[in-house]
Amino acid sequence: MVTHSVDDRRPTLVTRLYVAGMWAARDKRAFEGAARTLRTARARQRAGDRPPTPWTRLRTRTSSDRRHGMTTWTVWPRRARPVVRVLYLHGGGYVHPLTVDYWRLARALVRTPAEVVVPAYPLAPDAGVDDVLPLLEDLAAELVTGELPVVLMGDSAGGALVLEVARALADRGTPPAHVVGLSPWLDATLDEREVADLEATDPMLAESGLRAAGRWWAAPYAPGHPRVSPVGLDLAGLPPITVHVGDRDILRPAVDRLLDRARVAHAIVHLHEVTAMFHVWMTRPLPEARRTRRQIVHLLRRVATGPTLRSRDGL
């Protein structure tokens, strides 16, 4: 079953000003051309992953340890007992580390109440899919053995990774309860004809640098290989999938291809599309982002109630 909802409300003034600031700051430069993309990635990798912010540590309980060769943070509610566990895989085009914006999202998820596990996985070009995906699969396999239902969630590149990990868990006979992709990067080739047109409206991403990052991550595979681009993944037998995407995102076109495959595979996929939103807006300090974060928390609560409710409203 495939369902599609559209939030076509006009963007708030706060968001319009925020996007104008993104254009003025030329945020797209981080992915303009292979050389600039690599320089920017190297600089951010040297700065390192941003740990939970002081506000996150004040509002939640946090811990960090090494799991499967990765520094992994876990965030819990201070008082409530978690009813669901979220494995969150961050985006960044496979080349950028964790930023402070992810801890804003993690704090929201904790309010479910949820336990949120965030690994800092190795990055391209020094690591690739065959180096990293097995680590994430083993971490996920460890988490699903507990009593709490597990939701795999990720944005951008992380949105691709959670689908790949879900496929591996399903093949092992231990699928997660749900998969959530936030502006997922489903096709590393960016070959859809609509991508070039959308780039003019996307204040954050440029296809030239993304293509390079996709090649670095994919090696030795072609970027279009299903292990790299889950738009070609076998969706049969996967748990319900929820996707959030904005219509100003150059990664938007591949979502339609995923929906087509879901119909053929009789998979449960629900798409939430928000008009005038850019890539991974739900991590930002915006009214529309808070709205989307509340929707995600409501989804987690429904997942926690049990399998009888997971097909309701396309979930």
C-alpha atoms as a PDB file:
ATOM      1  CA  MET A   1       0.000   0.000   0.000  1.00  0.00           C
ATOM      2  CA  VAL A   2       1.392   3.375  -1.045  1.00  0.00           C
ATOM      3  CA  THR A   3      -0.062   6.636   0.261  1.00  0.00           C
ATOM      4  CA  HIS A   4       0.972  10.235  -0.355  1.00  0.00           C
ATOM      5  CA  SER A   5       0.038  13.338   1.627  1.00  0.00           C
ATOM      6  CA  VAL A   6       0.995  16.917   0.770  1.00  0.00           C
ATOM      7  CA  ASP A   7       1.262  19.832   3.171  1.00  0.00           C
ATOM      8  CA  ASP A   8       0.790  22.749   0.793  1.00  0.00           C
ATOM      9  CA  ARG A   9       0.719  25.558   3.338  1.00  0.00           C
ATOM     10  CA  ARG A  10       2.782  28.574   2.402  1.00  0.00           C
ATOM     11  CA  PRO A  11       6.161  28.755   4.156  1.00  0.00           C
ATOM     12  CA  THR A  12       6.240  30.987   7.206  1.00  0.00           C
ATOM     13  CA  LEU A  13       8.044  34.328   7.148  1.00  0.00           C
ATOM     14  CA  VAL A  14      10.699  32.856   9.450  1.00  0.00           C
ATOM     15  CA  THR A  15      11.405  30.109   6.940  1.00  0.00           C
ATOM     16  CA  ARG A  16      11.434  32.470   3.963  1.00  0.00           C
ATOM     17  CA  LEU A  17      14.019  34.621   5.705  1.00  0.00           C
ATOM     18  CA  TYR A  18      16.021  31.549   6.729  1.00  0.00           C
ATOM     19  CA  VAL A  19      16.138  30.264   3.146  1.00  0.00           C
ATOM     20  CA  ALA A  20      17.154  33.696   1.916  1.00  0.00           C
ATOM     21  CA  GLY A  21      20.028  33.516   4.366  1.00  0.00           C
ATOM     22  CA  MET A  22      21.045  30.109   3.000  1.00  0.00           C
ATOM     23  CA  TRP A  23      21.199  31.561  -0.503  1.00  0.00           C
ATOM     24  CA  ALA A  24      23.133  34.597   0.707  1.00  0.00           C
ATOM     25  CA  ALA A  25      25.627  32.378   2.541  1.00  0.00           C
ATOM     26  CA  ARG A  26      25.935  30.150  -0.541  1.00  0.00           C
ATOM     27  CA  ASP A  27      25.378  26.954   1.415  1.00  0.00           C
ATOM     28  CA  LYS A  28      25.448  25.062  -1.888  1.00  0.00           C
ATOM     29  CA  ARG A  29      29.205  25.667  -2.191  1.00  0.00           C
ATOM     30  CA  ALA A  30      29.842  22.687   0.074  1.00  0.00           C
ATOM     31  CA  PHE A  31      28.797  20.440  -2.834  1.00  0.00           C
ATOM     32  CA  GLU A  32      29.824  22.488  -5.863  1.00  0.00           C
ATOM     33  CA  GLY A  33      32.325  20.416  -7.812  1.00  0.00           C
ATOM     34  CA  ALA A  34      34.377  17.410  -6.740  1.00  0.00           C
ATOM     35  CA  ALA A  35      37.425  19.417  -5.643  1.00  0.00           C
ATOM     36  CA  ARG A  36      35.494  21.856  -3.439  1.00  0.00           C
ATOM     37  CA  THR A  37      33.381  19.031  -2.041  1.00  0.00           C
ATOM     38  CA  LEU A  38      36.519  17.156  -1.003  1.00  0.00           C
ATOM     39  CA  ARG A  39      38.147  20.239   0.548  1.00  0.00           C
ATOM     40  CA  THR A  40      35.018  21.067   2.517  1.00  0.00           C
ATOM     41  CA  ALA A  41      34.591  17.465   3.635  1.00  0.00           C
ATOM     42  CA  ARG A  42      38.208  17.208   4.783  1.00  0.00           C
ATOM     43  CA  ALA A  43      37.898  20.417   6.802  1.00  0.00           C
ATOM     44  CA  ARG A  44      34.719  19.241   8.508  1.00  0.00           C
ATOM     45  CA  GLN A  45      36.130  15.795   9.146  1.00  0.00           C
ATOM     46  CA  ARG A  46      39.182  17.353  10.829  1.00  0.00           C
ATOM     47  CA  ALA A  47      36.814  19.342  13.055  1.00  0.00           C
ATOM     48  CA  GLY A  48      35.114  16.063  13.936  1.00  0.00           C
ATOM     49  CA  ASP A  49      31.650  14.923  14.897  1.00  0.00           C
ATOM     50  CA  ARG A  50      29.779  17.290  17.158  1.00  0.00           C
ATOM     51  CA  PRO A  51      28.848  15.519  20.393  1.00  0.00           C
ATOM     52  CA  PRO A  52      25.532  16.146  22.169  1.00  0.00           C
ATOM     53  CA  THR A  53      25.171  19.850  22.850  1.00  0.00           C
ATOM     54  CA  PRO A  54      25.026  21.268  26.412  1.00  0.00           C
ATOM     55  CA  TRP A  55      21.268  21.834  25.959  1.00  0.00           C
ATOM     56  CA  THR A  56      20.858  18.194  24.913  1.00  0.00           C
ATOM     57  CA  ARG A  57      22.792  17.021  27.973  1.00  0.00           C
ATOM     58  CA  LEU A  58      20.657  19.234  30.202  1.00  0.00           C
ATOM     59  CA  ARG A  59      17.348  18.036  28.745  1.00  0.00           C
ATOM     60  CA  THR A  60      18.207  14.330  28.389  1.00  0.00           C
ATOM     61  CA  ARG A  61      20.506  11.637  29.673  1.00  0.00           C
ATOM     62  CA  THR A  62      23.386  10.883  27.332  1.00  0.00           C
ATOM     63  CA  SER A  63      26.215   8.386  27.130  1.00  0.00           C
ATOM     64  CA  SER A  64      28.850   7.405  24.591  1.00  0.00           C
ATOM     65  CA  ASP A  65      30.773   4.227  23.967  1.00  0.00           C
ATOM     66  CA  ARG A  66      32.475   2.297  21.189  1.00  0.00           C
ATOM     67  CA  ARG A  67      30.222  -0.138  19.380  1.00  0.00           C
ATOM     68  CA  HIS A  68      31.374  -2.109  16.376  1.00  0.00           C
ATOM     69  CA  GLY A  69      34.312   0.221  15.925  1.00  0.00           C
ATOM     70  CA  MET A  70      32.214   3.405  15.984  1.00  0.00           C
ATOM     71  CA  THR A  71      31.750   6.103  18.611  1.00  0.00           C
ATOM     72  CA  THR A  72      28.067   5.819  19.427  1.00  0.00           C
ATOM     73  CA  TRP A  73      25.961   8.188  21.487  1.00  0.00           C
ATOM     74  CA  THR A  74      22.755   7.148  23.231  1.00  0.00           C
ATOM     75  CA  VAL A  75      20.181   9.687  24.389  1.00  0.00           C
ATOM     76  CA  TRP A  76      17.317   8.850  26.797  1.00  0.00           C
ATOM     77  CA  PRO A  77      14.553  10.734  28.580  1.00  0.00           C
ATOM     78  CA  ARG A  78      15.516  11.903  32.053  1.00  0.00           C
ATOM     79  CA  ARG A  79      12.470  10.441  33.778  1.00  0.00           C
ATOM     80  CA  ALA A  80      10.145   8.552  31.443  1.00  0.00           C
ATOM     81  CA  ARG A  81      10.826   4.982  30.421  1.00  0.00           C
ATOM     82  CA  PRO A  82      11.433   4.625  26.648  1.00  0.00           C
ATOM     83  CA  VAL A  83       8.712   2.851  24.686  1.00  0.00           C
ATOM     84  CA  VAL A  84      10.651   2.652  21.416  1.00  0.00           C
ATOM     85  CA  ARG A  85      14.292   2.591  20.307  1.00  0.00           C
ATOM     86  CA  VAL A  86      15.510   4.661  17.348  1.00  0.00           C
ATOM     87  CA  LEU A  87      18.724   3.942  15.479  1.00  0.00           C
ATOM     88  CA  TYR A  88      19.473   7.268  13.803  1.00  0.00           C
ATOM     89  CA  LEU A  89      21.930   7.419  10.894  1.00  0.00           C
ATOM     90  CA  HIS A  90      22.976  10.945  10.025  1.00  0.00           C
ATOM     91  CA  GLY A  91      23.348  12.398   6.552  1.00  0.00           C
ATOM     92  CA  GLY A  92      25.962  14.648   5.029  1.00  0.00           C
ATOM     93  CA  GLY A  93      26.532  13.072   1.651  1.00  0.00           C
ATOM     94  CA  TYR A  94      28.612  10.261   3.203  1.00  0.00           C
ATOM     95  CA  VAL A  95      31.396  12.826   3.700  1.00  0.00           C
ATOM     96  CA  HIS A  96      30.252  15.228   6.465  1.00  0.00           C
ATOM     97  CA  PRO A  97      30.249  14.365  10.190  1.00  0.00           C
ATOM     98  CA  LEU A  98      27.518  14.946  12.755  1.00  0.00           C
ATOM     99  CA  THR A  99      26.408  18.546  13.280  1.00  0.00           C
ATOM    100  CA  VAL A 100      24.589  20.224  16.154  1.00  0.00           C
ATOM    101  CA  ASP A 101      21.315  20.202  14.191  1.00  0.00           C
ATOM    102  CA  TYR A 102      21.009  16.450  14.715  1.00  0.00           C
ATOM    103  CA  TRP A 103      20.845  16.879  18.469  1.00  0.00           C
ATOM    104  CA  ARG A 104      17.843  19.178  18.045  1.00  0.00           C
ATOM    105  CA  LEU A 105      16.085  16.327  16.263  1.00  0.00           C
ATOM    106  CA  ALA A 106      17.274  13.779  18.826  1.00  0.00           C
ATOM    107  CA  ARG A 107      15.831  15.866  21.670  1.00  0.00           C
ATOM    108  CA  ALA A 108      12.491  15.895  19.906  1.00  0.00           C
ATOM    109  CA  LEU A 109      12.524  12.129  19.400  1.00  0.00           C
ATOM    110  CA  VAL A 110      13.348  11.533  23.063  1.00  0.00           C
ATOM    111  CA  ARG A 111      10.013  13.151  23.972  1.00  0.00           C
ATOM    112  CA  THR A 112       8.179  10.121  22.521  1.00  0.00           C
ATOM    113  CA  PRO A 113       9.638   8.815  24.990  1.00  0.00           C
ATOM    114  CA  ALA A 114      12.376   7.089  22.991  1.00  0.00           C
ATOM    115  CA  GLU A 115      15.911   5.882  23.333  1.00  0.00           C
ATOM    116  CA  VAL A 116      17.928   7.319  20.430  1.00  0.00           C
ATOM    117  CA  VAL A 117      21.169   5.671  19.308  1.00  0.00           C
ATOM    118  CA  VAL A 118      23.416   7.764  17.043  1.00  0.00           C
ATOM    119  CA  PRO A 119      26.612   6.206  15.645  1.00  0.00           C
ATOM    120  CA  ALA A 120      29.386   8.305  14.118  1.00  0.00           C
ATOM    121  CA  TYR A 121      30.154   5.998  11.220  1.00  0.00           C
ATOM    122  CA  PRO A 122      33.335   6.253   9.077  1.00  0.00           C
ATOM    123  CA  LEU A 123      33.126   8.639   6.140  1.00  0.00           C
ATOM    124  CA  ALA A 124      34.119   8.750   2.485  1.00  0.00           C
ATOM    125  CA  PRO A 125      36.494   8.974   0.749  1.00  0.00           C
ATOM    126  CA  ASP A 126      38.510   7.065   3.378  1.00  0.00           C
ATOM    127  CA  ALA A 127      35.689   4.568   3.943  1.00  0.00           C
ATOM    128  CA  GLY A 128      33.059   3.199   1.609  1.00  0.00           C
ATOM    129  CA  VAL A 129      29.892   1.181   1.614  1.00  0.00           C
ATOM    130  CA  ASP A 130      31.597  -2.192   2.114  1.00  0.00           C
ATOM    131  CA  ASP A 131      33.532  -0.808   5.084  1.00  0.00           C
ATOM    132  CA  VAL A 132      30.624   0.836   6.848  1.00  0.00           C
ATOM    133  CA  LEU A 133      27.417  -1.003   6.013  1.00  0.00           C
ATOM    134  CA  PRO A 134      28.439  -4.224   7.827  1.00  0.00           C
ATOM    135  CA  LEU A 135      29.181  -2.191  10.980  1.00  0.00           C
ATOM    136  CA  LEU A 136      25.758  -0.570  10.879  1.00  0.00           C
ATOM    137  CA  GLU A 137      24.041  -3.863  10.141  1.00  0.00           C
ATOM    138  CA  ASP A 138      25.706  -5.497  13.162  1.00  0.00           C
ATOM    139  CA  LEU A 139      24.800  -2.568  15.403  1.00  0.00           C
ATOM    140  CA  ALA A 140      21.181  -2.711  14.242  1.00  0.00           C
ATOM    141  CA  ALA A 141      21.073  -6.479  14.710  1.00  0.00           C
ATOM    142  CA  GLU A 142      22.235  -5.977  18.276  1.00  0.00           C
ATOM    143  CA  LEU A 143      19.556  -3.369  18.972  1.00  0.00           C
ATOM    144  CA  VAL A 144      16.624  -5.384  17.608  1.00  0.00           C
ATOM    145  CA  THR A 145      17.329  -8.187  20.088  1.00  0.00           C
ATOM    146  CA  GLY A 146      15.986  -6.039  22.938  1.00  0.00           C
ATOM    147  CA  GLU A 147      12.420  -5.717  24.173  1.00  0.00           C
ATOM    148  CA  LEU A 148      11.696  -2.324  22.611  1.00  0.00           C
ATOM    149  CA  PRO A 149      10.454  -2.006  19.018  1.00  0.00           C
ATOM    150  CA  VAL A 150      13.236  -0.565  16.848  1.00  0.00           C
ATOM    151  CA  VAL A 151      12.770   2.159  14.252  1.00  0.00           C
ATOM    152  CA  LEU A 152      15.548   2.796  11.738  1.00  0.00           C
ATOM    153  CA  MET A 153      15.660   6.496  10.896  1.00  0.00           C
ATOM    154  CA  GLY A 154      18.051   8.572   8.838  1.00  0.00           C
ATOM    155  CA  ASP A 155      18.306  11.676   6.715  1.00  0.00           C
ATOM    156  CA  SER A 156      19.843  12.162   3.262  1.00  0.00           C
ATOM    157  CA  ALA A 157      22.673   9.609   2.984  1.00  0.00           C
ATOM    158  CA  GLY A 158      21.468   8.180   6.288  1.00  0.00           C
ATOM    159  CA  GLY A 159      18.035   7.773   4.697  1.00  0.00           C
ATOM    160  CA  ALA A 160      19.626   5.482   2.129  1.00  0.00           C
ATOM    161  CA  LEU A 161      21.569   3.597   4.790  1.00  0.00           C
ATOM    162  CA  VAL A 162      18.514   2.786   6.901  1.00  0.00           C
ATOM    163  CA  LEU A 163      16.835   1.141   3.910  1.00  0.00           C
ATOM    164  CA  GLU A 164      19.952  -0.924   3.234  1.00  0.00           C
ATOM    165  CA  VAL A 165      20.185  -1.932   6.891  1.00  0.00           C
ATOM    166  CA  ALA A 166      16.465  -2.781   6.982  1.00  0.00           C
ATOM    167  CA  ARG A 167      16.939  -5.056   3.977  1.00  0.00           C
ATOM    168  CA  ALA A 168      19.814  -6.846   5.727  1.00  0.00           C
ATOM    169  CA  LEU A 169      17.818  -7.276   8.952  1.00  0.00           C
ATOM    170  CA  ALA A 170      14.786  -8.573   7.058  1.00  0.00           C
ATOM    171  CA  ASP A 171      17.003 -11.086   5.267  1.00  0.00           C
ATOM    172  CA  ARG A 172      18.268 -12.252   8.682  1.00  0.00           C
ATOM    173  CA  GLY A 173      14.676 -12.707   9.856  1.00  0.00           C
ATOM    174  CA  THR A 174      14.787  -9.828  12.379  1.00  0.00           C
ATOM    175  CA  PRO A 175      13.293  -6.783  10.615  1.00  0.00           C
ATOM    176  CA  PRO A 176      12.855  -3.496  12.474  1.00  0.00           C
ATOM    177  CA  ALA A 177       9.381  -2.238  13.331  1.00  0.00           C
ATOM    178  CA  HIS A 178       9.507   0.729  10.945  1.00  0.00           C
ATOM    179  CA  VAL A 179      11.833   2.686   8.662  1.00  0.00           C
ATOM    180  CA  VAL A 180      11.814   6.484   8.380  1.00  0.00           C
ATOM    181  CA  GLY A 181      13.673   8.336   5.623  1.00  0.00           C
ATOM    182  CA  LEU A 182      14.061  12.108   5.959  1.00  0.00           C
ATOM    183  CA  SER A 183      14.907  13.652   2.569  1.00  0.00           C
ATOM    184  CA  PRO A 184      16.566  10.335   1.683  1.00  0.00           C
ATOM    185  CA  TRP A 185      19.281  10.082  -0.965  1.00  0.00           C
ATOM    186  CA  LEU A 186      17.816   7.151  -2.834  1.00  0.00           C
ATOM    187  CA  ASP A 187      19.776   7.387  -6.094  1.00  0.00           C
ATOM    188  CA  ALA A 188      23.482   8.224  -5.883  1.00  0.00           C
ATOM    189  CA  THR A 189      23.640   8.711  -9.656  1.00  0.00           C
ATOM    190  CA  LEU A 190      21.210  11.669  -9.620  1.00  0.00           C
ATOM    191  CA  ASP A 191      20.253  10.627 -13.138  1.00  0.00           C
ATOM    192  CA  GLU A 192      16.610  11.694 -12.958  1.00  0.00           C
ATOM    193  CA  ARG A 193      15.893  14.371 -15.554  1.00  0.00           C
ATOM    194  CA  GLU A 194      14.152  16.597 -12.989  1.00  0.00           C
ATOM    195  CA  VAL A 195      17.312  16.964 -10.870  1.00  0.00           C
ATOM    196  CA  ALA A 196      18.850  19.748 -12.973  1.00  0.00           C
ATOM    197  CA  ASP A 197      15.647  21.799 -12.836  1.00  0.00           C
ATOM    198  CA  LEU A 198      15.299  21.360  -9.085  1.00  0.00           C
ATOM    199  CA  GLU A 199      18.879  22.422  -8.404  1.00  0.00           C
ATOM    200  CA  ALA A 200      17.896  25.983  -9.246  1.00  0.00           C
ATOM    201  CA  THR A 201      15.404  25.935  -6.352  1.00  0.00           C
ATOM    202  CA  ASP A 202      17.505  23.924  -3.854  1.00  0.00           C
ATOM    203  CA  PRO A 203      19.403  26.296  -1.515  1.00  0.00           C
ATOM    204  CA  MET A 204      21.530  23.528  -0.021  1.00  0.00           C
ATOM    205  CA  LEU A 205      22.642  20.873  -2.529  1.00  0.00           C
ATOM    206  CA  ALA A 206      24.515  20.872  -5.835  1.00  0.00           C
ATOM    207  CA  GLU A 207      24.543  17.780  -8.004  1.00  0.00           C
ATOM    208  CA  SER A 208      28.203  17.970  -9.127  1.00  0.00           C
ATOM    209  CA  GLY A 209      29.633  17.469  -5.664  1.00  0.00           C
ATOM    210  CA  LEU A 210      26.992  14.959  -4.666  1.00  0.00           C
ATOM    211  CA  ARG A 211      27.836  12.823  -7.689  1.00  0.00           C
ATOM    212  CA  ALA A 212      31.489  12.803  -6.620  1.00  0.00           C
ATOM    213  CA  ALA A 213      30.615  11.890  -3.034  1.00  0.00           C
ATOM    214  CA  GLY A 214      28.391   9.091  -4.318  1.00  0.00           C
ATOM    215  CA  ARG A 215      31.264   7.669  -6.374  1.00  0.00           C
ATOM    216  CA  TRP A 216      33.654   7.771  -3.428  1.00  0.00           C
ATOM    217  CA  TRP A 217      31.164   5.990  -1.204  1.00  0.00           C
ATOM    218  CA  ALA A 218      30.155   3.413  -3.811  1.00  0.00           C
ATOM    219  CA  ALA A 219      33.600   2.140  -4.812  1.00  0.00           C
ATOM    220  CA  PRO A 220      34.131  -0.585  -5.969  1.00  0.00           C
ATOM    221  CA  TYR A 221      30.468  -0.617  -7.056  1.00  0.00           C
ATOM    222  CA  ALA A 222      28.855   1.694  -9.563  1.00  0.00           C
ATOM    223  CA  PRO A 223      26.842   4.431  -7.805  1.00  0.00           C
ATOM    224  CA  GLY A 224      23.627   2.954  -9.180  1.00  0.00           C
ATOM    225  CA  HIS A 225      24.191  -0.438  -7.520  1.00  0.00           C
ATOM    226  CA  PRO A 226      21.306  -1.356  -5.174  1.00  0.00           C
ATOM    227  CA  ARG A 227      23.782  -1.623  -2.286  1.00  0.00           C
ATOM    228  CA  VAL A 228      24.423   2.103  -2.738  1.00  0.00           C
ATOM    229  CA  SER A 229      21.201   3.416  -4.283  1.00  0.00           C
ATOM    230  CA  PRO A 230      18.200   1.847  -2.511  1.00  0.00           C
ATOM    231  CA  VAL A 231      15.835   3.135  -5.198  1.00  0.00           C
ATOM    232  CA  GLY A 232      16.658  -0.225  -6.798  1.00  0.00           C
ATOM    233  CA  LEU A 233      16.371  -2.247  -3.596  1.00  0.00           C
ATOM    234  CA  ASP A 234      14.032  -5.222  -3.240  1.00  0.00           C
ATOM    235  CA  LEU A 235      11.297  -3.870  -0.953  1.00  0.00           C
ATOM    236  CA  ALA A 236       9.413  -7.150  -0.531  1.00  0.00           C
ATOM    237  CA  GLY A 237       9.215  -8.192   3.093  1.00  0.00           C
ATOM    238  CA  LEU A 238      10.387  -4.875   4.504  1.00  0.00           C
ATOM    239  CA  PRO A 239       8.529  -3.209   7.377  1.00  0.00           C
ATOM    240  CA  PRO A 240       6.421  -0.083   6.776  1.00  0.00           C
ATOM    241  CA  ILE A 241       8.408   2.872   5.437  1.00  0.00           C
ATOM    242  CA  THR A 242       7.648   6.553   5.988  1.00  0.00           C
ATOM    243  CA  VAL A 243       9.358   9.233   3.884  1.00  0.00           C
ATOM    244  CA  HIS A 244       9.416  12.984   4.521  1.00  0.00           C
ATOM    245  CA  VAL A 245      10.584  15.175   1.639  1.00  0.00           C
ATOM    246  CA  GLY A 246      10.326  18.770   0.461  1.00  0.00           C
ATOM    247  CA  ASP A 247       9.568  19.782  -3.101  1.00  0.00           C
ATOM    248  CA  ARG A 248      12.668  22.055  -3.334  1.00  0.00           C
ATOM    249  CA  ASP A 249      15.062  19.133  -2.805  1.00  0.00           C
ATOM    250  CA  ILE A 250      17.097  17.776  -5.746  1.00  0.00           C
ATOM    251  CA  LEU A 251      16.770  14.320  -4.183  1.00  0.00           C
ATOM    252  CA  ARG A 252      12.966  14.471  -4.540  1.00  0.00           C
ATOM    253  CA  PRO A 253      12.647  12.803  -8.004  1.00  0.00           C
ATOM    254  CA  ALA A 254      13.980   9.399  -6.899  1.00  0.00           C
ATOM    255  CA  VAL A 255      11.213   9.162  -4.290  1.00  0.00           C
ATOM    256  CA  ASP A 256       8.654   8.601  -7.052  1.00  0.00           C
ATOM    257  CA  ARG A 257      10.700   5.667  -8.338  1.00  0.00           C
ATOM    258  CA  LEU A 258      10.756   4.176  -4.841  1.00  0.00           C
ATOM    259  CA  LEU A 259       6.960   4.473  -4.668  1.00  0.00           C
ATOM    260  CA  ASP A 260       6.638   2.688  -8.017  1.00  0.00           C
ATOM    261  CA  ARG A 261       8.771  -0.190  -6.748  1.00  0.00           C
ATOM    262  CA  ALA A 262       6.765  -0.297  -3.524  1.00  0.00           C
ATOM    263  CA  ARG A 263       3.531  -0.761  -5.461  1.00  0.00           C
ATOM    264  CA  VAL A 264       5.000  -3.693  -7.371  1.00  0.00           C
ATOM    265  CA  ALA A 265       6.380  -5.252  -4.183  1.00  0.00           C
ATOM    266  CA  HIS A 266       3.143  -4.611  -2.218  1.00  0.00           C
ATOM    267  CA  ALA A 267       5.219  -2.762   0.366  1.00  0.00           C
ATOM    268  CA  ILE A 268       3.743  -0.252   2.811  1.00  0.00           C
ATOM    269  CA  VAL A 269       5.145   3.209   2.089  1.00  0.00           C
ATOM    270  CA  HIS A 270       3.755   6.561   3.139  1.00  0.00           C
ATOM    271  CA  LEU A 271       5.141   9.796   1.679  1.00  0.00           C
ATOM    272  CA  HIS A 272       4.764  13.138   3.462  1.00  0.00           C
ATOM    273  CA  GLU A 273       5.637  15.980   1.070  1.00  0.00           C
ATOM    274  CA  VAL A 274       5.930  19.590   2.222  1.00  0.00           C
ATOM    275  CA  THR A 275       5.667  22.445  -0.249  1.00  0.00           C
ATOM    276  CA  ALA A 276       8.621  24.847  -0.534  1.00  0.00           C
ATOM    277  CA  MET A 277      10.799  22.886   1.891  1.00  0.00           C
ATOM    278  CA  PHE A 278      14.487  22.274   1.281  1.00  0.00           C
ATOM    279  CA  HIS A 279      16.761  19.330   2.080  1.00  0.00           C
ATOM    280  CA  VAL A 280      16.487  18.002   5.683  1.00  0.00           C
ATOM    281  CA  TRP A 281      14.564  21.061   6.887  1.00  0.00           C
ATOM    282  CA  MET A 282      13.242  19.050   9.836  1.00  0.00           C
ATOM    283  CA  THR A 283      16.529  19.421  11.742  1.00  0.00           C
ATOM    284  CA  ARG A 284      16.466  23.242  11.609  1.00  0.00           C
ATOM    285  CA  PRO A 285      15.033  25.813  14.079  1.00  0.00           C
ATOM    286  CA  LEU A 286      11.959  26.558  11.944  1.00  0.00           C
ATOM    287  CA  PRO A 287       8.189  26.390  12.513  1.00  0.00           C
ATOM    288  CA  GLU A 288       7.783  23.861   9.675  1.00  0.00           C
ATOM    289  CA  ALA A 289      10.570  21.768  11.155  1.00  0.00           C
ATOM    290  CA  ARG A 290       8.889  21.677  14.560  1.00  0.00           C
ATOM    291  CA  ARG A 291       5.685  20.607  12.836  1.00  0.00           C
ATOM    292  CA  THR A 292       7.466  17.744  11.087  1.00  0.00           C
ATOM    293  CA  ARG A 293       9.279  16.696  14.259  1.00  0.00           C
ATOM    294  CA  ARG A 294       5.911  16.453  16.032  1.00  0.00           C
ATOM    295  CA  GLN A 295       4.608  14.239  13.210  1.00  0.00           C
ATOM    296  CA  ILE A 296       7.602  11.944  13.597  1.00  0.00           C
ATOM    297  CA  VAL A 297       7.088  11.711  17.355  1.00  0.00           C
ATOM    298  CA  HIS A 298       3.422  10.796  16.783  1.00  0.00           C
ATOM    299  CA  LEU A 299       4.559   8.079  14.388  1.00  0.00           C
ATOM    300  CA  LEU A 300       6.977   6.671  16.968  1.00  0.00           C
ATOM    301  CA  ARG A 301       4.196   6.553  19.526  1.00  0.00           C
ATOM    302  CA  ARG A 302       1.987   4.636  17.114  1.00  0.00           C
ATOM    303  CA  VAL A 303       4.787   2.181  16.393  1.00  0.00           C
ATOM    304  CA  ALA A 304       5.248   1.675  20.133  1.00  0.00           C
ATOM    305  CA  THR A 305       1.604   0.663  20.568  1.00  0.00           C
ATOM    306  CA  GLY A 306       2.122  -2.480  18.530  1.00  0.00           C
ATOM    307  CA  PRO A 307       1.737  -4.010  15.075  1.00  0.00           C
ATOM    308  CA  THR A 308      -2.034  -3.679  14.958  1.00  0.00           C
ATOM    309  CA  LEU A 309      -1.693   0.071  14.417  1.00  0.00           C
ATOM    310  CA  ARG A 310       1.242   0.144  12.026  1.00  0.00           C
ATOM    311  CA  SER A 311      -0.852   0.011   8.891  1.00  0.00           C
ATOM    312  CA  ARG A 312      -3.152   2.854   9.952  1.00  0.00           C
ATOM    313  CA  ASP A 313      -2.989   6.004   7.840  1.00  0.00           C
ATOM    314  CA  GLY A 314      -0.391   4.425   5.613  1.00  0.00           C
ATOM    315  CA  LEU A 315       2.061   3.782   8.468  1.00  0.00           C
END
